[in-house]
PDB file of N, CA and C in Angstrom:
ATOM      1  N   UNK A   1      31.901  32.460  -6.972  1.00  0.00           N
ATOM      2  CA  UNK A   1      31.573  32.533  -8.372  1.00  0.00           C
ATOM      3  C   UNK A   1      31.034  31.152  -8.781  1.00  0.00           C
ATOM      4  N   UNK A   2      29.909  31.162  -9.435  1.00  0.00           N
ATOM      5  CA  UNK A   2      29.321  29.912  -9.905  1.00  0.00           C
ATOM      6  C   UNK A   2      30.027  29.446 -11.175  1.00  0.00           C
ATOM      7  N   UNK A   3      29.767  28.224 -11.556  1.00  0.00           N
ATOM      8  CA  UNK A   3      30.361  27.705 -12.797  1.00  0.00           C
ATOM      9  C   UNK A   3      29.906  28.537 -14.001  1.00  0.00           C
ATOM     10  N   UNK A   4      28.637  28.893 -14.033  1.00  0.00           N
ATOM     11  CA  UNK A   4      28.121  29.703 -15.142  1.00  0.00           C
ATOM     12  C   UNK A   4      28.798  31.072 -15.181  1.00  0.00           C
ATOM     13  N   UNK A   5      29.031  31.660 -14.017  1.00  0.00           N
ATOM     14  CA  UNK A   5      29.708  32.949 -13.965  1.00  0.00           C
ATOM     15  C   UNK A   5      31.154  32.829 -14.448  1.00  0.00           C
ATOM     16  N   UNK A   6      31.821  31.753 -14.044  1.00  0.00           N
ATOM     17  CA  UNK A   6      33.193  31.536 -14.492  1.00  0.00           C
ATOM     18  C   UNK A   6      33.240  31.347 -16.006  1.00  0.00           C
ATOM     19  N   UNK A   7      32.301  30.594 -16.546  1.00  0.00           N
ATOM     20  CA  UNK A   7      32.255  30.397 -17.990  1.00  0.00           C
ATOM     21  C   UNK A   7      32.000  31.710 -18.714  1.00  0.00           C
ATOM     22  N   UNK A   8      31.153  32.556 -18.160  1.00  0.00           N
ATOM     23  CA  UNK A   8      30.904  33.869 -18.759  1.00  0.00           C
ATOM     24  C   UNK A   8      32.167  34.723 -18.720  1.00  0.00           C
ATOM     25  N   UNK A   9      32.879  34.666 -17.609  1.00  0.00           N
ATOM     26  CA  UNK A   9      34.126  35.425 -17.484  1.00  0.00           C
ATOM     27  C   UNK A   9      35.162  34.933 -18.492  1.00  0.00           C
ATOM     28  N   UNK A  10      35.321  33.630 -18.588  1.00  0.00           N
ATOM     29  CA  UNK A  10      36.292  33.063 -19.526  1.00  0.00           C
ATOM     30  C   UNK A  10      35.945  33.415 -20.972  1.00  0.00           C
ATOM     31  N   UNK A  11      34.670  33.338 -21.314  1.00  0.00           N
ATOM     32  CA  UNK A  11      34.252  33.709 -22.676  1.00  0.00           C
ATOM     33  C   UNK A  11      34.550  35.183 -22.931  1.00  0.00           C
ATOM     34  N   UNK A  12      34.259  36.028 -21.950  1.00  0.00           N
ATOM     35  CA  UNK A  12      34.552  37.453 -22.084  1.00  0.00           C
ATOM     36  C   UNK A  12      36.038  37.710 -22.254  1.00  0.00           C
ATOM     37  N   UNK A  13      36.862  36.974 -21.504  1.00  0.00           N
ATOM     38  CA  UNK A  13      38.309  37.149 -21.616  1.00  0.00           C
ATOM     39  C   UNK A  13      38.800  36.675 -22.976  1.00  0.00           C
ATOM     40  N   UNK A  14      38.270  35.563 -23.458  1.00  0.00           N
ATOM     41  CA  UNK A  14      38.629  35.101 -24.813  1.00  0.00           C
ATOM     42  C   UNK A  14      38.276  36.157 -25.857  1.00  0.00           C
ATOM     43  N   UNK A  15      37.101  36.762 -25.720  1.00  0.00           N
ATOM     44  CA  UNK A  15      36.684  37.818 -26.648  1.00  0.00           C
ATOM     45  C   UNK A  15      37.619  39.028 -26.544  1.00  0.00           C
ATOM     46  N   UNK A  16      38.016  39.365 -25.312  1.00  0.00           N
ATOM     47  CA  UNK A  16      38.925  40.490 -25.117  1.00  0.00           C
ATOM     48  C   UNK A  16      40.265  40.226 -25.803  1.00  0.00           C
ATOM     49  N   UNK A  17      40.807  39.034 -25.637  1.00  0.00           N
ATOM     50  CA  UNK A  17      42.077  38.703 -26.279  1.00  0.00           C
ATOM     51  C   UNK A  17      41.957  38.773 -27.800  1.00  0.00           C
ATOM     52  N   UNK A  18      40.858  38.259 -28.328  1.00  0.00           N
ATOM     53  CA  UNK A  18      40.648  38.308 -29.780  1.00  0.00           C
ATOM     54  C   UNK A  18      40.529  39.749 -30.257  1.00  0.00           C
ATOM     55  N   UNK A  19      39.826  40.564 -29.501  1.00  0.00           N
ATOM     56  CA  UNK A  19      39.679  41.972 -29.874  1.00  0.00           C
ATOM     57  C   UNK A  19      41.027  42.678 -29.831  1.00  0.00           C
ATOM     58  N   UNK A  20      41.805  42.434 -28.780  1.00  0.00           N
ATOM     59  CA  UNK A  20      43.109  43.084 -28.637  1.00  0.00           C
ATOM     60  C   UNK A  20      44.048  42.693 -29.772  1.00  0.00           C
ATOM     61  N   UNK A  21      43.893  41.481 -30.296  1.00  0.00           N
ATOM     62  CA  UNK A  21      44.746  41.015 -31.389  1.00  0.00           C
ATOM     63  C   UNK A  21      44.264  41.507 -32.758  1.00  0.00           C
ATOM     64  N   UNK A  22      43.107  42.138 -32.786  1.00  0.00           N
ATOM     65  CA  UNK A  22      42.538  42.625 -34.042  1.00  0.00           C
ATOM     66  C   UNK A  22      42.875  44.098 -34.236  1.00  0.00           C
ATOM     67  N   UNK A  23      42.320  44.669 -35.306  1.00  0.00           N
ATOM     68  CA  UNK A  23      42.519  46.097 -35.541  1.00  0.00           C
ATOM     69  C   UNK A  23      41.380  46.940 -34.973  1.00  0.00           C
ATOM     70  N   UNK A  24      40.500  46.302 -34.200  1.00  0.00           N
ATOM     71  CA  UNK A  24      39.411  47.060 -33.576  1.00  0.00           C
ATOM     72  C   UNK A  24      39.986  48.013 -32.536  1.00  0.00           C
ATOM     73  N   UNK A  25      39.341  49.133 -32.367  1.00  0.00           N
ATOM     74  CA  UNK A  25      39.819  50.142 -31.434  1.00  0.00           C
ATOM     75  C   UNK A  25      39.634  49.752 -29.982  1.00  0.00           C
ATOM     76  N   UNK A  26      40.344  50.448 -29.123  1.00  0.00           N
ATOM     77  CA  UNK A  26      40.237  50.198 -27.690  1.00  0.00           C
ATOM     78  C   UNK A  26      38.808  50.358 -27.193  1.00  0.00           C
ATOM     79  N   UNK A  27      38.097  51.360 -27.717  1.00  0.00           N
ATOM     80  CA  UNK A  27      36.718  51.575 -27.283  1.00  0.00           C
ATOM     81  C   UNK A  27      35.857  50.339 -27.530  1.00  0.00           C
ATOM     82  N   UNK A  28      36.037  49.708 -28.680  1.00  0.00           N
ATOM     83  CA  UNK A  28      35.262  48.505 -29.004  1.00  0.00           C
ATOM     84  C   UNK A  28      35.635  47.355 -28.076  1.00  0.00           C
ATOM     85  N   UNK A  29      36.919  47.203 -27.783  1.00  0.00           N
ATOM     86  CA  UNK A  29      37.353  46.125 -26.892  1.00  0.00           C
ATOM     87  C   UNK A  29      36.821  46.331 -25.479  1.00  0.00           C
ATOM     88  N   UNK A  30      36.886  47.553 -24.999  1.00  0.00           N
ATOM     89  CA  UNK A  30      36.384  47.856 -23.661  1.00  0.00           C
ATOM     90  C   UNK A  30      34.880  47.622 -23.599  1.00  0.00           C
ATOM     91  N   UNK A  31      34.151  48.126 -24.577  1.00  0.00           N
ATOM     92  CA  UNK A  31      32.690  47.945 -24.592  1.00  0.00           C
ATOM     93  C   UNK A  31      32.321  46.465 -24.646  1.00  0.00           C
ATOM     94  N   UNK A  32      33.046  45.692 -25.443  1.00  0.00           N
ATOM     95  CA  UNK A  32      32.770  44.266 -25.524  1.00  0.00           C
ATOM     96  C   UNK A  32      33.022  43.555 -24.217  1.00  0.00           C
ATOM     97  N   UNK A  33      34.126  43.891 -23.565  1.00  0.00           N
ATOM     98  CA  UNK A  33      34.464  43.290 -22.270  1.00  0.00           C
ATOM     99  C   UNK A  33      33.390  43.609 -21.229  1.00  0.00           C
ATOM    100  N   UNK A  34      33.003  44.863 -21.157  1.00  0.00           N
ATOM    101  CA  UNK A  34      31.978  45.250 -20.182  1.00  0.00           C
ATOM    102  C   UNK A  34      30.652  44.565 -20.483  1.00  0.00           C
ATOM    103  N   UNK A  35      30.307  44.460 -21.749  1.00  0.00           N
ATOM    104  CA  UNK A  35      29.055  43.785 -22.123  1.00  0.00           C
ATOM    105  C   UNK A  35      29.123  42.297 -21.792  1.00  0.00           C
ATOM    106  N   UNK A  36      30.258  41.660 -22.092  1.00  0.00           N
ATOM    107  CA  UNK A  36      30.398  40.236 -21.813  1.00  0.00           C
ATOM    108  C   UNK A  36      30.326  39.948 -20.316  1.00  0.00           C
ATOM    109  N   UNK A  37      30.895  40.812 -19.502  1.00  0.00           N
ATOM    110  CA  UNK A  37      30.860  40.575 -18.061  1.00  0.00           C
ATOM    111  C   UNK A  37      29.477  40.802 -17.473  1.00  0.00           C
ATOM    112  N   UNK A  38      28.730  41.715 -18.065  1.00  0.00           N
ATOM    113  CA  UNK A  38      27.360  41.941 -17.612  1.00  0.00           C
ATOM    114  C   UNK A  38      27.268  42.130 -16.110  1.00  0.00           C
ATOM    115  N   UNK A  39      26.435  41.332 -15.477  1.00  0.00           N
ATOM    116  CA  UNK A  39      26.159  41.460 -14.042  1.00  0.00           C
ATOM    117  C   UNK A  39      27.342  41.044 -13.172  1.00  0.00           C
ATOM    118  N   UNK A  40      28.355  40.429 -13.756  1.00  0.00           N
ATOM    119  CA  UNK A  40      29.535  40.066 -12.962  1.00  0.00           C
ATOM    120  C   UNK A  40      30.278  41.303 -12.471  1.00  0.00           C
ATOM    121  N   UNK A  41      30.080  42.408 -13.156  1.00  0.00           N
ATOM    122  CA  UNK A  41      30.752  43.648 -12.797  1.00  0.00           C
ATOM    123  C   UNK A  41      29.703  44.672 -12.368  1.00  0.00           C
ATOM    124  N   UNK A  42      29.607  44.935 -11.060  1.00  0.00           N
ATOM    125  CA  UNK A  42      28.615  45.895 -10.583  1.00  0.00           C
ATOM    126  C   UNK A  42      28.773  47.265 -11.248  1.00  0.00           C
ATOM    127  N   UNK A  43      27.670  47.912 -11.496  1.00  0.00           N
ATOM    128  CA  UNK A  43      27.659  49.196 -12.186  1.00  0.00           C
ATOM    129  C   UNK A  43      28.577  50.235 -11.585  1.00  0.00           C
ATOM    130  N   UNK A  44      28.651  50.288 -10.260  1.00  0.00           N
ATOM    131  CA  UNK A  44      29.490  51.282  -9.603  1.00  0.00           C
ATOM    132  C   UNK A  44      30.975  51.046  -9.860  1.00  0.00           C
ATOM    133  N   UNK A  45      31.345  49.826 -10.228  1.00  0.00           N
ATOM    134  CA  UNK A  45      32.744  49.495 -10.456  1.00  0.00           C
ATOM    135  C   UNK A  45      33.159  49.624 -11.928  1.00  0.00           C
ATOM    136  N   UNK A  46      32.211  49.865 -12.798  1.00  0.00           N
ATOM    137  CA  UNK A  46      32.504  49.905 -14.228  1.00  0.00           C
ATOM    138  C   UNK A  46      33.477  51.017 -14.637  1.00  0.00           C
ATOM    139  N   UNK A  47      33.354  52.227 -14.129  1.00  0.00           N
ATOM    140  CA  UNK A  47      34.322  53.263 -14.536  1.00  0.00           C
ATOM    141  C   UNK A  47      35.765  52.896 -14.167  1.00  0.00           C
ATOM    142  N   UNK A  48      35.971  52.340 -12.984  1.00  0.00           N
ATOM    143  CA  UNK A  48      37.317  51.941 -12.578  1.00  0.00           C
ATOM    144  C   UNK A  48      37.794  50.759 -13.417  1.00  0.00           C
ATOM    145  N   UNK A  49      36.908  49.797 -13.670  1.00  0.00           N
ATOM    146  CA  UNK A  49      37.259  48.643 -14.501  1.00  0.00           C
ATOM    147  C   UNK A  49      37.649  49.090 -15.906  1.00  0.00           C
ATOM    148  N   UNK A  50      36.944  50.069 -16.435  1.00  0.00           N
ATOM    149  CA  UNK A  50      37.268  50.585 -17.774  1.00  0.00           C
ATOM    150  C   UNK A  50      38.655  51.222 -17.778  1.00  0.00           C
ATOM    151  N   UNK A  51      38.963  51.986 -16.753  1.00  0.00           N
ATOM    152  CA  UNK A  51      40.273  52.617 -16.647  1.00  0.00           C
ATOM    153  C   UNK A  51      41.379  51.563 -16.584  1.00  0.00           C
ATOM    154  N   UNK A  52      41.182  50.544 -15.769  1.00  0.00           N
ATOM    155  CA  UNK A  52      42.176  49.475 -15.657  1.00  0.00           C
ATOM    156  C   UNK A  52      42.333  48.729 -16.974  1.00  0.00           C
ATOM    157  N   UNK A  53      41.217  48.461 -17.644  1.00  0.00           N
ATOM    158  CA  UNK A  53      41.269  47.727 -18.902  1.00  0.00           C
ATOM    159  C   UNK A  53      41.998  48.515 -19.986  1.00  0.00           C
ATOM    160  N   UNK A  54      41.779  49.805 -20.041  1.00  0.00           N
ATOM    161  CA  UNK A  54      42.492  50.624 -21.026  1.00  0.00           C
ATOM    162  C   UNK A  54      44.003  50.558 -20.788  1.00  0.00           C
ATOM    163  N   UNK A  55      44.412  50.564 -19.536  1.00  0.00           N
ATOM    164  CA  UNK A  55      45.821  50.437 -19.200  1.00  0.00           C
ATOM    165  C   UNK A  55      46.341  49.054 -19.584  1.00  0.00           C
ATOM    166  N   UNK A  56      45.567  48.012 -19.318  1.00  0.00           N
ATOM    167  CA  UNK A  56      45.949  46.638 -19.655  1.00  0.00           C
ATOM    168  C   UNK A  56      46.102  46.469 -21.163  1.00  0.00           C
ATOM    169  N   UNK A  57      45.195  47.052 -21.918  1.00  0.00           N
ATOM    170  CA  UNK A  57      45.303  46.990 -23.376  1.00  0.00           C
ATOM    171  C   UNK A  57      46.601  47.640 -23.848  1.00  0.00           C
ATOM    172  N   UNK A  58      46.873  48.835 -23.360  1.00  0.00           N
ATOM    173  CA  UNK A  58      48.041  49.586 -23.810  1.00  0.00           C
ATOM    174  C   UNK A  58      49.357  48.993 -23.321  1.00  0.00           C
ATOM    175  N   UNK A  59      49.387  48.536 -22.090  1.00  0.00           N
ATOM    176  CA  UNK A  59      50.651  48.135 -21.474  1.00  0.00           C
ATOM    177  C   UNK A  59      50.939  46.642 -21.510  1.00  0.00           C
ATOM    178  N   UNK A  60      49.958  45.845 -21.876  1.00  0.00           N
ATOM    179  CA  UNK A  60      50.186  44.397 -21.932  1.00  0.00           C
ATOM    180  C   UNK A  60      49.697  43.810 -23.246  1.00  0.00           C
ATOM    181  N   UNK A  61      48.397  43.855 -23.488  1.00  0.00           N
ATOM    182  CA  UNK A  61      47.842  43.169 -24.649  1.00  0.00           C
ATOM    183  C   UNK A  61      48.277  43.761 -25.982  1.00  0.00           C
ATOM    184  N   UNK A  62      48.418  45.075 -26.029  1.00  0.00           N
ATOM    185  CA  UNK A  62      48.811  45.730 -27.280  1.00  0.00           C
ATOM    186  C   UNK A  62      50.183  46.386 -27.183  1.00  0.00           C
ATOM    187  N   UNK A  63      50.946  45.979 -26.215  1.00  0.00           N
ATOM    188  CA  UNK A  63      52.301  46.504 -26.045  1.00  0.00           C
ATOM    189  C   UNK A  63      53.188  45.969 -27.165  1.00  0.00           C
ATOM    190  N   UNK A  64      54.321  46.622 -27.401  1.00  0.00           N
ATOM    191  CA  UNK A  64      55.268  46.078 -28.374  1.00  0.00           C
ATOM    192  C   UNK A  64      55.611  44.626 -28.016  1.00  0.00           C
ATOM    193  N   UNK A  65      55.856  43.819 -29.027  1.00  0.00           N
ATOM    194  CA  UNK A  65      56.051  42.373 -28.837  1.00  0.00           C
ATOM    195  C   UNK A  65      57.099  42.050 -27.780  1.00  0.00           C
ATOM    196  N   UNK A  66      58.210  42.767 -27.762  1.00  0.00           N
ATOM    197  CA  UNK A  66      59.270  42.440 -26.796  1.00  0.00           C
ATOM    198  C   UNK A  66      58.797  42.617 -25.351  1.00  0.00           C
ATOM    199  N   UNK A  67      57.917  43.567 -25.113  1.00  0.00           N
ATOM    200  CA  UNK A  67      57.382  43.757 -23.761  1.00  0.00           C
ATOM    201  C   UNK A  67      56.230  42.800 -23.501  1.00  0.00           C
ATOM    202  N   UNK A  68      55.347  42.637 -24.460  1.00  0.00           N
ATOM    203  CA  UNK A  68      54.180  41.757 -24.312  1.00  0.00           C
ATOM    204  C   UNK A  68      54.612  40.312 -24.087  1.00  0.00           C
ATOM    205  N   UNK A  69      55.645  39.879 -24.789  1.00  0.00           N
ATOM    206  CA  UNK A  69      56.058  38.488 -24.713  1.00  0.00           C
ATOM    207  C   UNK A  69      56.614  38.097 -23.346  1.00  0.00           C
ATOM    208  N   UNK A  70      56.953  39.071 -22.536  1.00  0.00           N
ATOM    209  CA  UNK A  70      57.396  38.746 -21.171  1.00  0.00           C
ATOM    210  C   UNK A  70      56.266  38.145 -20.361  1.00  0.00           C
ATOM    211  N   UNK A  71      55.023  38.447 -20.737  1.00  0.00           N
ATOM    212  CA  UNK A  71      53.857  37.962 -20.013  1.00  0.00           C
ATOM    213  C   UNK A  71      53.326  36.654 -20.558  1.00  0.00           C
ATOM    214  N   UNK A  72      53.743  36.277 -21.750  1.00  0.00           N
ATOM    215  CA  UNK A  72      53.185  35.100 -22.423  1.00  0.00           C
ATOM    216  C   UNK A  72      54.299  34.149 -22.809  1.00  0.00           C
ATOM    217  N   UNK A  73      54.176  32.906 -22.384  1.00  0.00           N
ATOM    218  CA  UNK A  73      55.213  31.925 -22.671  1.00  0.00           C
ATOM    219  C   UNK A  73      55.165  31.449 -24.124  1.00  0.00           C
ATOM    220  N   UNK A  74      54.028  31.586 -24.799  1.00  0.00           N
ATOM    221  CA  UNK A  74      53.871  31.130 -26.190  1.00  0.00           C
ATOM    222  C   UNK A  74      54.334  29.686 -26.370  1.00  0.00           C
ATOM    223  N   UNK A  75      53.967  28.838 -25.402  1.00  0.00           N
ATOM    224  CA  UNK A  75      54.266  27.421 -25.526  1.00  0.00           C
ATOM    225  C   UNK A  75      55.702  27.043 -25.221  1.00  0.00           C
ATOM    226  N   UNK A  76      56.469  27.956 -24.682  1.00  0.00           N
ATOM    227  CA  UNK A  76      57.871  27.638 -24.354  1.00  0.00           C
ATOM    228  C   UNK A  76      57.968  26.676 -23.219  1.00  0.00           C
TER     229      UNK A  76
END
């Protein structure tokens, strides 16, 4: 992965976290993530990536706080 690719990935992940913390729907967050990754994610892998991302949104990023906080130290 080149530096530019890593920066694109990091920006996409930042956007995903911001979307997950907002009231935007899962469809919008998934579409934004896929758009931000662009060529980093080959077309044939997009359906599987979308499935994984929907699970990640539900089970980690948008999970109830007590479950979500197990994954995030929040500066502890």
